[in-house]
Amino acid sequence: MEKYKLGINTVGGFGIDELRLMEIIKESGFDAFFNCWEPDKDLAPYVTKAKELGLIYQSVHAPFGGCECIWQPGERGERYIDTLCRCAEDCARYDIPVFIVHPFIGFHDHTPTDIGVERYLRLIDRAERLGVKAAYENVEGDEYLAAIMSAASSPAAGFCLDTGHEVCYNRSKDRLALYGDRLIATHFNDNLGIRTTDGSITPADDLHLLPFDGVVDWQGVMERIRAHGYSGILTFELKVKGGKEHAAYQNMTPEEYYAEAFRRACRVAAL
């Protein structure tokens, strides 16, 4: 059975410095981490700390708020794709192999455009030239991910499976069946599925709970992961705060939370 390395995000909500969270991540047993990239964020301290701790800097998460503008005409979309290119450049500068990209944000538009595809192809070309990879997540709006993956043949364009998004944004459709051969990253997390009485999808269901605190079929996830030959890091993307669903985490210290996250991650990897 494949022995996987395990990674996690620097989970916000504890009110302590990210560099200290990296120490706790390492102490808890994880092999790797990721954090969020912003245009004015200096990654150098995290790179230095990762080397000091022996942690793998697995990826950064690119900004996604307002990314629907990439699919629309106008300068806002151009500025946004330029920002993502800057993220790719930082990854190359600091030897971070992957940056995570949301293809779209929103629940009411389902019409990819040629200009959006062209912009994302421009980003992928920049990533390929830099020697890094863009991992596109399964988010709301399946059509946008499909348009990018269909148009992009470059090895610099890969797939990031978000297990929580699959059950609450993709209506439990198997995204690995479509993109498993291009899987280069994971965002493992749990939630309670779609909870509206009319079956509509809302961001309130995207809880990012610890594995086994929701409805994700972790046995099925790992069977699919192994069937597609994925041997990369199993990375978990979690939240400690949100609503009543996160109540069990509220009295945990960061050390207790990450220790529990590592235990759950080990359970997942052993399936």
Protein backbone atom coordinates (compact mmCIF):
# COMPACT_ATOMS: atom_id res chain seq x y z
CA MET A 1 0.00 0.00 0.00
CA GLU A 2 1.22 3.49 -0.88
CA LYS A 3 2.65 5.41 2.08
CA TYR A 4 1.65 9.02 1.66
CA LYS A 5 3.22 12.15 3.02
CA LEU A 6 0.68 14.33 4.82
CA GLY A 7 0.23 18.10 4.62
CA ILE A 8 -2.08 20.75 6.06
CA ASN A 9 -2.81 24.46 5.85
CA THR A 10 -1.86 27.04 8.45
CA VAL A 11 -5.36 27.05 9.89
CA GLY A 12 -6.58 30.52 10.79
CA GLY A 13 -8.62 31.39 13.84
CA PHE A 14 -6.18 30.68 16.63
CA GLY A 15 -4.85 34.21 16.84
CA ILE A 16 -1.20 33.21 16.67
CA ASP A 17 1.52 33.79 14.11
CA GLU A 18 1.71 31.58 11.01
CA LEU A 19 5.35 30.80 11.74
CA ARG A 20 4.34 29.39 15.13
CA LEU A 21 1.60 27.39 13.43
CA MET A 22 4.27 25.88 11.19
CA GLU A 23 6.15 24.71 14.29
CA ILE A 24 2.97 23.10 15.62
CA ILE A 25 2.30 21.48 12.24
CA LYS A 26 5.75 19.88 12.36
CA GLU A 27 5.41 18.87 16.01
CA SER A 28 2.08 17.21 15.24
CA GLY A 29 3.65 14.90 12.67
CA PHE A 30 2.79 16.49 9.33
CA ASP A 31 5.36 16.44 6.52
CA ALA A 32 4.16 19.48 4.58
CA PHE A 33 2.10 22.66 4.71
CA PHE A 34 0.56 25.33 2.54
CA ASN A 35 -0.64 28.86 3.14
CA CYS A 36 -2.36 31.64 1.26
CA TRP A 37 -0.56 33.93 -1.15
CA GLU A 38 -1.36 37.62 -1.38
CA PRO A 39 0.26 40.26 -3.59
CA ASP A 40 1.89 42.05 -0.64
CA LYS A 41 2.85 38.92 1.31
CA ASP A 42 6.56 38.14 1.66
CA LEU A 43 7.01 34.38 1.40
CA ALA A 44 10.69 34.43 2.41
CA PRO A 45 10.08 33.96 6.16
CA TYR A 46 7.93 30.89 5.49
CA VAL A 47 10.50 29.44 3.13
CA THR A 48 13.23 29.94 5.73
CA LYS A 49 11.08 28.47 8.51
CA ALA A 50 10.13 25.46 6.40
CA LYS A 51 13.79 24.68 5.75
CA GLU A 52 14.59 25.08 9.43
CA LEU A 53 11.81 22.68 10.42
CA GLY A 54 12.22 20.22 7.56
CA LEU A 55 8.68 20.91 6.31
CA ILE A 56 7.79 20.66 2.63
CA TYR A 57 6.30 23.91 1.29
CA GLN A 58 3.76 22.01 -0.80
CA SER A 59 1.82 24.89 -2.35
CA VAL A 60 0.27 28.30 -1.95
CA HIS A 61 -3.38 29.12 -2.45
CA ALA A 62 -3.85 31.91 -4.97
CA PRO A 63 -6.48 34.61 -4.29
CA PHE A 64 -9.97 33.74 -5.49
CA GLY A 65 -12.33 36.47 -4.27
CA GLY A 66 -13.81 38.10 -7.35
CA CYS A 67 -12.15 35.72 -9.79
CA GLU A 68 -15.33 35.54 -11.86
CA CYS A 69 -14.08 38.70 -13.55
CA ILE A 70 -11.50 36.60 -15.41
CA TRP A 71 -14.36 35.35 -17.58
CA GLN A 72 -15.65 38.85 -18.31
CA PRO A 73 -14.34 41.49 -20.73
CA GLY A 74 -12.52 44.44 -19.26
CA GLU A 75 -9.42 45.55 -17.41
CA ARG A 76 -10.46 44.00 -14.12
CA GLY A 77 -10.05 40.53 -15.58
CA GLU A 78 -6.67 41.49 -17.06
CA ARG A 79 -5.46 42.79 -13.70
CA TYR A 80 -6.64 39.64 -11.98
CA ILE A 81 -4.78 37.29 -14.31
CA ASP A 82 -1.67 39.46 -13.94
CA THR A 83 -1.97 38.99 -10.18
CA LEU A 84 -2.11 35.22 -10.62
CA CYS A 85 0.99 35.41 -12.84
CA ARG A 86 2.75 37.20 -9.98
CA CYS A 87 1.76 34.30 -7.72
CA ALA A 88 3.34 31.88 -10.21
CA GLU A 89 6.49 33.99 -10.24
CA ASP A 90 6.74 33.89 -6.45
CA CYS A 91 6.36 30.11 -6.54
CA ALA A 92 9.24 29.87 -9.00
CA ARG A 93 11.34 32.30 -6.95
CA TYR A 94 10.95 30.22 -3.78
CA ASP A 95 10.81 26.70 -5.26
CA ILE A 96 7.17 26.15 -4.32
CA PRO A 97 6.00 23.65 -6.94
CA VAL A 98 2.24 24.29 -7.04
CA PHE A 99 -0.23 27.13 -6.69
CA ILE A 100 -3.92 26.40 -6.21
CA VAL A 101 -6.43 28.24 -8.40
CA HIS A 102 -10.21 28.55 -8.24
CA PRO A 103 -11.56 28.63 -11.81
CA PHE A 104 -14.65 30.60 -10.80
CA ILE A 105 -16.64 31.95 -7.88
CA GLY A 106 -20.42 32.20 -7.85
CA PHE A 107 -23.55 30.07 -8.18
CA HIS A 108 -25.71 31.67 -10.85
CA ASP A 109 -23.53 31.92 -13.96
CA HIS A 110 -22.72 28.78 -15.94
CA THR A 111 -21.33 30.18 -19.17
CA PRO A 112 -17.56 30.00 -19.73
CA THR A 113 -16.21 32.48 -22.27
CA ASP A 114 -13.38 32.43 -24.76
CA ILE A 115 -11.70 35.38 -23.06
CA GLY A 116 -11.63 33.52 -19.75
CA VAL A 117 -10.10 30.43 -21.32
CA GLU A 118 -7.51 32.58 -23.11
CA ARG A 119 -6.54 34.30 -19.88
CA TYR A 120 -6.15 31.06 -17.99
CA LEU A 121 -4.12 29.58 -20.84
CA ARG A 122 -1.88 32.64 -20.59
CA LEU A 123 -1.40 31.90 -16.88
CA ILE A 124 -0.64 28.24 -17.60
CA ASP A 125 1.91 29.21 -20.26
CA ARG A 126 3.59 31.51 -17.74
CA ALA A 127 3.65 28.73 -15.15
CA GLU A 128 5.17 26.28 -17.63
CA ARG A 129 7.91 28.73 -18.53
CA LEU A 130 8.64 29.24 -14.84
CA GLY A 131 8.69 25.52 -14.03
CA VAL A 132 5.71 25.53 -11.64
CA LYS A 133 2.17 24.15 -11.87
CA ALA A 134 -1.32 25.59 -11.53
CA ALA A 135 -3.71 23.18 -9.80
CA TYR A 136 -7.34 23.98 -10.59
CA GLU A 137 -9.90 23.10 -7.91
CA ASN A 138 -13.35 21.63 -8.35
CA VAL A 139 -15.46 24.52 -7.12
CA GLU A 140 -18.89 25.93 -7.89
CA GLY A 141 -19.48 26.09 -11.62
CA ASP A 142 -18.28 22.76 -13.04
CA GLU A 143 -18.43 24.25 -16.52
CA TYR A 144 -15.52 26.60 -15.88
CA LEU A 145 -13.16 23.87 -14.67
CA ALA A 146 -14.20 21.73 -17.64
CA ALA A 147 -13.46 24.56 -20.08
CA ILE A 148 -9.95 25.06 -18.68
CA MET A 149 -9.06 21.38 -18.49
CA SER A 150 -10.35 20.77 -22.00
CA ALA A 151 -8.34 23.64 -23.46
CA ALA A 152 -5.10 23.14 -21.53
CA SER A 153 -2.77 20.36 -22.64
CA SER A 154 0.26 21.68 -20.76
CA PRO A 155 1.73 19.62 -17.90
CA ALA A 156 1.70 22.90 -15.96
CA ALA A 157 -2.11 22.62 -15.68
CA GLY A 158 -3.29 20.06 -13.16
CA PHE A 159 -6.22 19.21 -10.92
CA CYS A 160 -6.69 19.74 -7.18
CA LEU A 161 -9.43 17.56 -5.68
CA ASP A 162 -11.34 19.28 -2.89
CA THR A 163 -13.35 16.51 -1.22
CA GLY A 164 -15.69 18.91 0.54
CA HIS A 165 -16.47 20.82 -2.63
CA GLU A 166 -17.24 17.54 -4.35
CA VAL A 167 -20.12 16.73 -2.00
CA CYS A 168 -21.52 20.24 -1.52
CA TYR A 169 -20.68 22.04 -4.80
CA ASN A 170 -20.49 19.19 -7.33
CA ARG A 171 -23.48 17.20 -6.01
CA SER A 172 -21.20 14.24 -5.20
CA LYS A 173 -20.22 13.72 -8.84
CA ASP A 174 -16.89 11.92 -9.14
CA ARG A 175 -14.45 14.60 -10.32
CA LEU A 176 -11.55 12.13 -10.32
CA ALA A 177 -13.34 10.17 -13.03
CA LEU A 178 -12.81 13.22 -15.23
CA TYR A 179 -9.47 14.60 -14.05
CA GLY A 180 -7.81 11.88 -11.95
CA ASP A 181 -5.01 11.40 -14.44
CA ARG A 182 -4.11 15.09 -13.94
CA LEU A 183 -4.29 15.12 -10.14
CA ILE A 184 -1.37 17.06 -8.64
CA ALA A 185 -2.78 18.24 -5.29
CA THR A 186 -5.54 17.58 -2.79
CA HIS A 187 -7.62 19.65 -0.40
CA PHE A 188 -9.10 17.04 1.92
CA ASN A 189 -11.88 18.22 4.23
CA ASP A 190 -15.37 17.20 5.32
CA ASN A 191 -18.84 18.74 5.49
CA LEU A 192 -22.50 17.78 5.78
CA GLY A 193 -23.35 17.95 2.09
CA ILE A 194 -26.12 20.06 0.60
CA ARG A 195 -28.50 21.03 3.39
CA THR A 196 -31.06 23.31 1.72
CA THR A 197 -34.59 21.93 1.48
CA ASP A 198 -34.80 22.80 -2.22
CA GLY A 199 -31.40 21.29 -3.08
CA SER A 200 -29.80 24.59 -3.98
CA ILE A 201 -26.07 25.03 -3.42
CA THR A 202 -24.74 27.70 -1.08
CA PRO A 203 -21.31 28.57 0.33
CA ALA A 204 -22.66 27.92 3.85
CA ASP A 205 -22.24 24.18 3.23
CA ASP A 206 -18.49 24.46 2.54
CA LEU A 207 -17.49 23.80 6.16
CA HIS A 208 -13.95 22.38 5.89
CA LEU A 209 -14.43 20.12 8.92
CA LEU A 210 -11.99 17.52 10.14
CA PRO A 211 -12.31 14.21 8.27
CA PHE A 212 -15.01 11.89 9.72
CA ASP A 213 -17.00 14.82 11.13
CA GLY A 214 -19.19 14.95 8.02
CA VAL A 215 -20.57 12.83 5.19
CA VAL A 216 -17.55 12.42 2.88
CA ASP A 217 -16.97 8.77 1.94
CA TRP A 218 -13.30 8.59 2.87
CA GLN A 219 -12.97 4.93 1.93
CA GLY A 220 -14.29 5.78 -1.51
CA VAL A 221 -12.03 8.82 -1.79
CA MET A 222 -8.92 6.78 -1.10
CA GLU A 223 -9.98 3.97 -3.41
CA ARG A 224 -10.35 6.52 -6.21
CA ILE A 225 -7.07 8.24 -5.33
CA ARG A 226 -5.18 4.95 -5.51
CA ALA A 227 -6.98 3.85 -8.67
CA HIS A 228 -5.56 6.90 -10.44
CA GLY A 229 -2.03 6.20 -9.21
CA TYR A 230 -1.64 9.38 -7.20
CA SER A 231 1.50 9.26 -5.07
CA GLY A 232 1.82 12.92 -4.08
CA ILE A 233 1.19 14.57 -0.74
CA LEU A 234 -2.26 14.20 0.81
CA THR A 235 -2.95 17.79 1.83
CA PHE A 236 -5.77 18.75 4.19
CA GLU A 237 -7.49 22.16 4.04
CA LEU A 238 -9.38 22.77 7.27
CA LYS A 239 -11.15 25.49 9.23
CA VAL A 240 -11.37 25.74 13.00
CA LYS A 241 -14.10 28.40 13.05
CA GLY A 242 -17.36 28.86 11.22
CA GLY A 243 -20.68 28.01 12.79
CA LYS A 244 -22.21 25.54 15.21
CA GLU A 245 -20.66 22.71 13.18
CA HIS A 246 -17.24 23.81 14.43
CA ALA A 247 -18.25 23.91 18.10
CA ALA A 248 -16.26 20.79 18.96
CA TYR A 249 -13.05 22.59 18.00
CA GLN A 250 -13.59 25.81 19.94
CA ASN A 251 -11.98 24.69 23.20
CA MET A 252 -8.99 23.07 21.51
CA THR A 253 -5.57 24.66 21.68
CA PRO A 254 -3.67 24.83 18.37
CA GLU A 255 -1.54 21.93 19.57
CA GLU A 256 -4.61 19.82 20.36
CA TYR A 257 -6.31 20.69 17.08
CA TYR A 258 -3.35 19.85 14.88
CA ALA A 259 -2.68 16.65 16.82
CA GLU A 260 -6.28 15.59 16.21
CA ALA A 261 -6.02 16.63 12.56
CA PHE A 262 -2.93 14.46 12.17
CA ARG A 263 -4.70 11.47 13.73
CA ARG A 264 -7.59 11.91 11.31
CA ALA A 265 -5.20 12.35 8.38
CA CYS A 266 -3.48 9.10 9.28
CA ARG A 267 -6.83 7.32 9.38
CA VAL A 268 -7.65 8.62 5.91
CA ALA A 269 -4.27 7.63 4.48
CA ALA A 270 -4.59 4.10 5.89
CA LEU A 271 -7.90 3.40 4.14
